Amino acid sequence: MSALTKAKGFKKSRTGLYLSIGTTAFGALSVAKQARKARTESDTLLLLDAVVSAAAVATGLAMLLRELKRLGDDDVLLG
């Protein structure tokens, strides 16, 4: 099994999904920092960018959680 095949399999594994969720949550911290900076500087364009980025982070997190749920549904031991 090649390293590329292993990497593709890791992305669909439970551990890979948890890592992706953590990375996405870390991105949310960056968006919050960006929004705070935009509000203190009264920069409307930067605030709009932060809002759009927050929507992207929320959508990505929802998709990852849905995939994690699907993995849980396939698990025979969980019932």
C-alpha atoms as a PDB file:
ATOM      1  CA  MET A   1       0.000   0.000   0.000  1.00  0.00           C
ATOM      2  CA  SER A   2       1.517   3.322  -1.051  1.00  0.00           C
ATOM      3  CA  ALA A   3       1.813   6.325   1.209  1.00  0.00           C
ATOM      4  CA  LEU A   4      -0.697   8.224  -0.938  1.00  0.00           C
ATOM      5  CA  THR A   5      -3.279   5.462  -0.555  1.00  0.00           C
ATOM      6  CA  LYS A   6      -2.759   5.437   3.204  1.00  0.00           C
ATOM      7  CA  ALA A   7      -3.172   9.215   3.357  1.00  0.00           C
ATOM      8  CA  LYS A   8      -6.437   9.073   1.415  1.00  0.00           C
ATOM      9  CA  GLY A   9      -7.744   6.366   3.746  1.00  0.00           C
ATOM     10  CA  PHE A  10      -6.753   8.409   6.812  1.00  0.00           C
ATOM     11  CA  LYS A  11      -8.925  11.312   5.690  1.00  0.00           C
ATOM     12  CA  LYS A  12     -12.026   9.075   5.836  1.00  0.00           C
ATOM     13  CA  SER A  13     -11.091   7.454   9.145  1.00  0.00           C
ATOM     14  CA  ARG A  14     -12.515   8.466  12.516  1.00  0.00           C
ATOM     15  CA  THR A  15      -9.110   9.786  13.628  1.00  0.00           C
ATOM     16  CA  GLY A  16      -8.770  11.806  10.447  1.00  0.00           C
ATOM     17  CA  LEU A  17     -12.198  13.327  10.959  1.00  0.00           C
ATOM     18  CA  TYR A  18     -11.358  14.300  14.532  1.00  0.00           C
ATOM     19  CA  LEU A  19      -8.158  15.927  13.295  1.00  0.00           C
ATOM     20  CA  SER A  20     -10.120  17.822  10.640  1.00  0.00           C
ATOM     21  CA  ILE A  21     -12.653  18.997  13.238  1.00  0.00           C
ATOM     22  CA  GLY A  22      -9.817  20.246  15.444  1.00  0.00           C
ATOM     23  CA  THR A  23      -8.220  22.073  12.546  1.00  0.00           C
ATOM     24  CA  THR A  24     -11.543  23.661  11.641  1.00  0.00           C
ATOM     25  CA  ALA A  25     -12.089  24.731  15.251  1.00  0.00           C
ATOM     26  CA  PHE A  26      -8.620  26.291  15.228  1.00  0.00           C
ATOM     27  CA  GLY A  27      -9.659  28.201  12.097  1.00  0.00           C
ATOM     28  CA  ALA A  28     -12.681  29.495  13.994  1.00  0.00           C
ATOM     29  CA  LEU A  29     -10.332  31.079  16.536  1.00  0.00           C
ATOM     30  CA  SER A  30      -8.566  32.892  13.712  1.00  0.00           C
ATOM     31  CA  VAL A  31     -11.888  34.154  12.355  1.00  0.00           C
ATOM     32  CA  ALA A  32     -12.884  35.403  15.816  1.00  0.00           C
ATOM     33  CA  LYS A  33      -9.594  37.273  16.098  1.00  0.00           C
ATOM     34  CA  GLN A  34     -10.153  38.792  12.659  1.00  0.00           C
ATOM     35  CA  ALA A  35     -13.690  39.886  13.611  1.00  0.00           C
ATOM     36  CA  ARG A  36     -12.468  41.446  16.863  1.00  0.00           C
ATOM     37  CA  LYS A  37      -9.782  43.391  14.984  1.00  0.00           C
ATOM     38  CA  ALA A  38     -12.340  44.565  12.404  1.00  0.00           C
ATOM     39  CA  ARG A  39     -14.689  45.810  15.121  1.00  0.00           C
ATOM     40  CA  THR A  40     -11.981  47.734  16.977  1.00  0.00           C
ATOM     41  CA  GLU A  41     -10.832  49.370  13.730  1.00  0.00           C
ATOM     42  CA  SER A  42     -14.420  49.886  12.482  1.00  0.00           C
ATOM     43  CA  ASP A  43     -13.426  48.226   9.210  1.00  0.00           C
ATOM     44  CA  THR A  44     -16.659  47.120   7.551  1.00  0.00           C
ATOM     45  CA  LEU A  45     -14.980  45.224   4.723  1.00  0.00           C
ATOM     46  CA  LEU A  46     -12.780  43.237   7.110  1.00  0.00           C
ATOM     47  CA  LEU A  47     -15.824  42.487   9.269  1.00  0.00           C
ATOM     48  CA  LEU A  48     -17.742  41.266   6.227  1.00  0.00           C
ATOM     49  CA  ASP A  49     -14.803  39.008   5.350  1.00  0.00           C
ATOM     50  CA  ALA A  50     -14.841  37.612   8.890  1.00  0.00           C
ATOM     51  CA  VAL A  51     -18.581  36.909   8.683  1.00  0.00           C
ATOM     52  CA  VAL A  52     -18.198  35.064   5.367  1.00  0.00           C
ATOM     53  CA  SER A  53     -15.245  33.122   6.756  1.00  0.00           C
ATOM     54  CA  ALA A  54     -17.266  32.202   9.844  1.00  0.00           C
ATOM     55  CA  ALA A  55     -20.048  30.874   7.621  1.00  0.00           C
ATOM     56  CA  ALA A  56     -17.503  28.763   5.740  1.00  0.00           C
ATOM     57  CA  VAL A  57     -16.081  27.396   8.994  1.00  0.00           C
ATOM     58  CA  ALA A  58     -19.566  26.567  10.294  1.00  0.00           C
ATOM     59  CA  THR A  59     -20.484  24.800   7.062  1.00  0.00           C
ATOM     60  CA  GLY A  60     -17.253  22.817   7.054  1.00  0.00           C
ATOM     61  CA  LEU A  61     -17.741  21.805  10.676  1.00  0.00           C
ATOM     62  CA  ALA A  62     -21.307  20.688   9.971  1.00  0.00           C
ATOM     63  CA  MET A  63     -20.134  18.563   7.049  1.00  0.00           C
ATOM     64  CA  LEU A  64     -17.414  16.944   9.169  1.00  0.00           C
ATOM     65  CA  LEU A  65     -19.859  16.177  11.972  1.00  0.00           C
ATOM     66  CA  ARG A  66     -22.282  14.639   9.446  1.00  0.00           C
ATOM     67  CA  GLU A  67     -19.489  12.425   8.115  1.00  0.00           C
ATOM     68  CA  LEU A  68     -18.538  11.434  11.669  1.00  0.00           C
ATOM     69  CA  LYS A  69     -22.153  10.469  12.324  1.00  0.00           C
ATOM     70  CA  ARG A  70     -22.186   8.343   9.170  1.00  0.00           C
ATOM     71  CA  LEU A  71     -19.089   6.525  10.353  1.00  0.00           C
ATOM     72  CA  GLY A  72     -20.825   5.920  13.693  1.00  0.00           C
ATOM     73  CA  ASP A  73     -23.881   4.510  11.939  1.00  0.00           C
ATOM     74  CA  ASP A  74     -21.714   1.989  10.096  1.00  0.00           C
ATOM     75  CA  ASP A  75     -20.094   0.784  13.331  1.00  0.00           C
ATOM     76  CA  VAL A  76     -21.598  -2.569  14.239  1.00  0.00           C
ATOM     77  CA  LEU A  77     -20.433  -2.417  17.853  1.00  0.00           C
ATOM     78  CA  LEU A  78     -22.297   0.809  18.569  1.00  0.00           C
ATOM     79  CA  GLY A  79     -25.599  -0.873  17.795  1.00  0.00           C
END
